Structure formats: structure tokens, C-alpha cells
């Protein structure tokens, strides 16, 4: 998804991603999720990772819809810039 806005090209990438976390016992937990990457002229400016489980709740679904909606508004230039990635 890409939109020209205020002379800058804004895009949002949506992809599935797994995050791995090693706990104290050396065990590795894997969390599936959706990664939203906001870019201006190809440069990432913000990332949002949303965990998704095998049995998501209504609240999980609503959170995903809200984040996708905000990302699309941002891409269209209807929402202020997100904080820059440090």
C-alpha cells in the first residue's frame, strides 16, 4: 500500500512475523504476530507488532482492526506522523 502525501511517499507494509523469546531456563517461546511497518520514501519510520494467537478474542480482533485503520489513515496523510524509530 502506497500513497503520495505532502510530497513524501508513505507506505504501510503488513506481514506475518514470529517473535522468539528465550526464558531463563533456556527454553524459547515463539509468538506469531502481524507486523505493520510505516515508511516514508522507503525509510521505516514506525513499527507496530501485534501478537495473534490460535484463538484470538474479540478484543484482539478489535485491536488489530484499530491498528490497521490508523495505519491506513496515516498512509493517506489524514493522520499525523508516528514517532520516529530510534
N, C-alpha and C. Protein backbone atom coordinates (compact mmCIF):
# COMPACT_ATOMS: atom_id res chain seq x y z
N UNK A 1 0.84 -1.17 0.00
CA UNK A 1 0.00 0.00 0.00
C UNK A 1 0.90 1.24 0.00
N UNK A 2 0.68 2.14 -0.93
CA UNK A 2 1.49 3.35 -1.02
C UNK A 2 0.61 4.54 -1.38
N UNK A 3 0.89 5.70 -0.80
CA UNK A 3 0.16 6.92 -1.10
C UNK A 3 1.14 8.09 -1.11
N UNK A 4 0.98 8.99 -2.08
CA UNK A 4 1.74 10.25 -2.09
C UNK A 4 1.06 11.21 -1.14
N UNK A 5 1.80 11.83 -0.24
CA UNK A 5 1.23 12.77 0.71
C UNK A 5 2.24 13.84 1.05
N UNK A 6 1.87 15.07 0.85
CA UNK A 6 2.73 16.22 1.18
C UNK A 6 4.12 16.06 0.59
N UNK A 7 4.19 15.57 -0.64
CA UNK A 7 5.48 15.44 -1.31
C UNK A 7 6.28 14.22 -0.89
N UNK A 8 5.85 13.53 0.14
CA UNK A 8 6.55 12.33 0.60
C UNK A 8 5.70 11.12 0.26
N UNK A 9 6.34 10.05 -0.05
CA UNK A 9 5.64 8.82 -0.39
C UNK A 9 5.50 7.96 0.86
N UNK A 10 4.28 7.78 1.32
CA UNK A 10 4.00 6.99 2.52
C UNK A 10 3.53 5.60 2.12
N UNK A 11 4.00 4.59 2.82
CA UNK A 11 3.53 3.24 2.57
C UNK A 11 3.45 2.47 3.89
N UNK A 12 2.59 1.47 3.89
CA UNK A 12 2.44 0.59 5.04
C UNK A 12 2.59 -0.84 4.55
N UNK A 13 3.49 -1.58 5.18
CA UNK A 13 3.69 -2.99 4.87
C UNK A 13 3.05 -3.80 5.98
N UNK A 14 2.30 -4.81 5.60
CA UNK A 14 1.67 -5.71 6.57
C UNK A 14 2.21 -7.11 6.30
N UNK A 15 2.77 -7.73 7.34
CA UNK A 15 3.28 -9.09 7.14
C UNK A 15 3.20 -9.90 8.43
N UNK A 16 3.13 -11.20 8.25
CA UNK A 16 3.16 -12.11 9.40
C UNK A 16 4.60 -12.27 9.85
N UNK A 17 4.78 -12.33 11.15
CA UNK A 17 6.13 -12.47 11.70
C UNK A 17 6.05 -13.23 13.02
N UNK A 18 7.11 -13.95 13.31
CA UNK A 18 7.22 -14.65 14.60
C UNK A 18 8.28 -13.97 15.44
N UNK A 19 7.99 -13.83 16.70
CA UNK A 19 8.98 -13.31 17.65
C UNK A 19 9.37 -14.43 18.58
N UNK A 20 10.65 -14.54 18.85
CA UNK A 20 11.17 -15.58 19.74
C UNK A 20 11.71 -14.93 21.00
N UNK A 21 11.37 -15.52 22.14
CA UNK A 21 11.82 -15.02 23.43
C UNK A 21 12.43 -16.19 24.19
N UNK A 22 13.69 -16.01 24.63
CA UNK A 22 14.36 -17.04 25.42
C UNK A 22 14.10 -16.74 26.90
N UNK A 23 13.58 -17.73 27.61
CA UNK A 23 13.32 -17.54 29.04
C UNK A 23 14.48 -18.13 29.84
N UNK A 24 14.50 -17.86 31.11
CA UNK A 24 15.61 -18.22 31.98
C UNK A 24 16.08 -19.65 31.90
N UNK A 25 15.21 -20.56 31.61
CA UNK A 25 15.58 -21.98 31.57
C UNK A 25 16.23 -22.36 30.24
N UNK A 26 16.35 -21.41 29.33
CA UNK A 26 16.90 -21.68 28.02
C UNK A 26 15.84 -22.06 27.00
N UNK A 27 14.62 -22.22 27.49
CA UNK A 27 13.51 -22.54 26.58
C UNK A 27 13.19 -21.32 25.72
N UNK A 28 12.80 -21.56 24.48
CA UNK A 28 12.45 -20.48 23.56
C UNK A 28 10.95 -20.53 23.30
N UNK A 29 10.28 -19.40 23.56
CA UNK A 29 8.86 -19.28 23.27
C UNK A 29 8.71 -18.52 21.96
N UNK A 30 7.81 -18.98 21.11
CA UNK A 30 7.60 -18.35 19.81
C UNK A 30 6.20 -17.75 19.80
N UNK A 31 6.12 -16.47 19.43
CA UNK A 31 4.85 -15.76 19.37
C UNK A 31 4.58 -15.33 17.94
N UNK A 32 3.49 -15.81 17.33
CA UNK A 32 3.14 -15.32 16.00
C UNK A 32 2.50 -13.94 16.11
N UNK A 33 2.65 -13.14 15.08
CA UNK A 33 2.05 -11.82 15.10
C UNK A 33 2.01 -11.19 13.73
N UNK A 34 1.46 -10.00 13.68
CA UNK A 34 1.38 -9.20 12.46
C UNK A 34 2.23 -7.96 12.68
N UNK A 35 3.12 -7.68 11.75
CA UNK A 35 4.00 -6.52 11.83
C UNK A 35 3.53 -5.48 10.82
N UNK A 36 3.26 -4.27 11.30
CA UNK A 36 2.93 -3.13 10.44
C UNK A 36 4.17 -2.24 10.40
N UNK A 37 4.68 -1.97 9.21
CA UNK A 37 5.84 -1.09 9.07
C UNK A 37 5.40 0.13 8.27
N UNK A 38 5.53 1.31 8.87
CA UNK A 38 5.21 2.56 8.18
C UNK A 38 6.50 3.12 7.61
N UNK A 39 6.45 3.51 6.33
CA UNK A 39 7.64 4.03 5.65
C UNK A 39 7.32 5.36 4.99
N UNK A 40 8.32 6.22 4.99
CA UNK A 40 8.25 7.46 4.22
C UNK A 40 9.41 7.41 3.25
N UNK A 41 9.08 7.51 1.96
CA UNK A 41 10.08 7.42 0.89
C UNK A 41 10.97 6.18 1.06
N UNK A 42 10.36 5.06 1.48
CA UNK A 42 11.07 3.80 1.60
C UNK A 42 11.79 3.58 2.92
N UNK A 43 11.90 4.62 3.74
CA UNK A 43 12.61 4.51 5.02
C UNK A 43 11.62 4.20 6.14
N UNK A 44 11.83 3.12 6.90
CA UNK A 44 10.93 2.82 8.01
C UNK A 44 10.94 3.94 9.05
N UNK A 45 9.74 4.37 9.45
CA UNK A 45 9.63 5.41 10.48
C UNK A 45 8.89 4.91 11.71
N UNK A 46 8.18 3.79 11.60
CA UNK A 46 7.48 3.23 12.76
C UNK A 46 7.16 1.76 12.49
N UNK A 47 7.17 0.99 13.58
CA UNK A 47 6.81 -0.42 13.51
C UNK A 47 5.81 -0.71 14.63
N UNK A 48 4.81 -1.50 14.29
CA UNK A 48 3.84 -1.95 15.29
C UNK A 48 3.71 -3.46 15.14
N UNK A 49 3.97 -4.18 16.21
CA UNK A 49 3.83 -5.63 16.18
C UNK A 49 2.62 -6.00 17.02
N UNK A 50 1.73 -6.79 16.43
CA UNK A 50 0.50 -7.20 17.10
C UNK A 50 0.50 -8.70 17.24
N UNK A 51 0.53 -9.20 18.47
CA UNK A 51 0.52 -10.65 18.66
C UNK A 51 -0.82 -11.23 18.22
N UNK A 52 -0.78 -12.39 17.63
CA UNK A 52 -2.01 -13.11 17.29
C UNK A 52 -1.86 -14.53 17.79
N UNK A 53 -2.90 -15.03 18.36
CA UNK A 53 -2.85 -16.39 18.89
C UNK A 53 -3.69 -17.32 18.05
N UNK A 54 -3.70 -18.57 18.45
CA UNK A 54 -4.50 -19.57 17.74
C UNK A 54 -5.99 -19.33 17.94
N UNK A 55 -6.35 -18.73 19.06
CA UNK A 55 -7.76 -18.48 19.37
C UNK A 55 -7.92 -17.04 19.84
N UNK A 56 -7.83 -16.06 18.90
CA UNK A 56 -7.90 -14.66 19.31
C UNK A 56 -9.27 -14.29 19.86
N UNK A 57 -9.26 -13.37 20.81
CA UNK A 57 -10.51 -12.91 21.42
C UNK A 57 -11.11 -11.79 20.57
N UNK A 58 -12.31 -11.39 20.89
CA UNK A 58 -12.93 -10.25 20.22
C UNK A 58 -12.10 -8.99 20.44
N UNK A 59 -11.53 -8.86 21.64
CA UNK A 59 -10.68 -7.69 21.93
C UNK A 59 -9.43 -7.69 21.05
N UNK A 60 -8.84 -8.88 20.81
CA UNK A 60 -7.68 -8.99 19.92
C UNK A 60 -8.05 -8.54 18.51
N UNK A 61 -9.21 -9.01 18.03
CA UNK A 61 -9.67 -8.64 16.69
C UNK A 61 -9.90 -7.13 16.59
N UNK A 62 -10.53 -6.56 17.60
CA UNK A 62 -10.80 -5.12 17.59
C UNK A 62 -9.50 -4.31 17.60
N UNK A 63 -8.50 -4.78 18.36
CA UNK A 63 -7.21 -4.10 18.41
C UNK A 63 -6.54 -4.13 17.03
N UNK A 64 -6.57 -5.27 16.37
CA UNK A 64 -5.99 -5.39 15.03
C UNK A 64 -6.70 -4.45 14.05
N UNK A 65 -8.02 -4.45 14.07
CA UNK A 65 -8.77 -3.57 13.18
C UNK A 65 -8.42 -2.11 13.44
N UNK A 66 -8.33 -1.70 14.70
CA UNK A 66 -8.00 -0.32 15.06
C UNK A 66 -6.60 0.06 14.55
N UNK A 67 -5.63 -0.83 14.73
CA UNK A 67 -4.26 -0.54 14.28
C UNK A 67 -4.18 -0.46 12.75
N UNK A 68 -4.87 -1.36 12.04
CA UNK A 68 -4.90 -1.30 10.58
C UNK A 68 -5.56 -0.01 10.10
N UNK A 69 -6.64 0.38 10.75
CA UNK A 69 -7.34 1.61 10.40
C UNK A 69 -6.43 2.83 10.57
N UNK A 70 -5.74 2.90 11.70
CA UNK A 70 -4.82 4.02 11.95
C UNK A 70 -3.68 4.04 10.94
N UNK A 71 -3.16 2.87 10.59
CA UNK A 71 -2.07 2.80 9.61
C UNK A 71 -2.54 3.30 8.24
N UNK A 72 -3.75 2.93 7.85
CA UNK A 72 -4.28 3.39 6.56
C UNK A 72 -4.56 4.89 6.57
N UNK A 73 -5.06 5.41 7.68
CA UNK A 73 -5.26 6.86 7.79
C UNK A 73 -3.92 7.59 7.69
N UNK A 74 -2.91 7.07 8.36
CA UNK A 74 -1.57 7.67 8.30
C UNK A 74 -1.05 7.65 6.87
N UNK A 75 -1.19 6.50 6.21
CA UNK A 75 -0.70 6.37 4.84
C UNK A 75 -1.36 7.38 3.92
N UNK A 76 -2.63 7.66 4.16
CA UNK A 76 -3.37 8.59 3.32
C UNK A 76 -3.07 10.05 3.65
N UNK A 77 -2.29 10.28 4.72
CA UNK A 77 -1.96 11.64 5.12
C UNK A 77 -3.01 12.30 5.99
N UNK A 78 -3.97 11.52 6.44
CA UNK A 78 -5.05 12.05 7.28
C UNK A 78 -4.73 11.99 8.76
N UNK A 79 -3.57 11.48 9.10
CA UNK A 79 -3.16 11.35 10.50
C UNK A 79 -1.72 11.82 10.62
N UNK A 80 -1.37 12.39 11.76
CA UNK A 80 -0.01 12.89 11.99
C UNK A 80 1.02 11.78 11.92
N UNK A 81 2.27 12.18 11.72
CA UNK A 81 3.36 11.21 11.65
C UNK A 81 3.52 10.48 12.97
N UNK A 82 3.84 9.18 12.92
CA UNK A 82 4.13 8.43 14.15
C UNK A 82 5.52 8.82 14.66
N UNK A 83 5.84 8.45 15.90
CA UNK A 83 7.18 8.71 16.41
C UNK A 83 8.21 8.00 15.52
N UNK A 84 9.35 8.62 15.32
CA UNK A 84 10.41 8.01 14.51
C UNK A 84 11.04 6.84 15.24
N UNK A 85 11.52 5.89 14.47
CA UNK A 85 12.22 4.74 15.03
C UNK A 85 13.60 5.21 15.47
N UNK A 86 13.99 4.87 16.68
CA UNK A 86 15.32 5.29 17.15
C UNK A 86 16.35 4.24 16.87
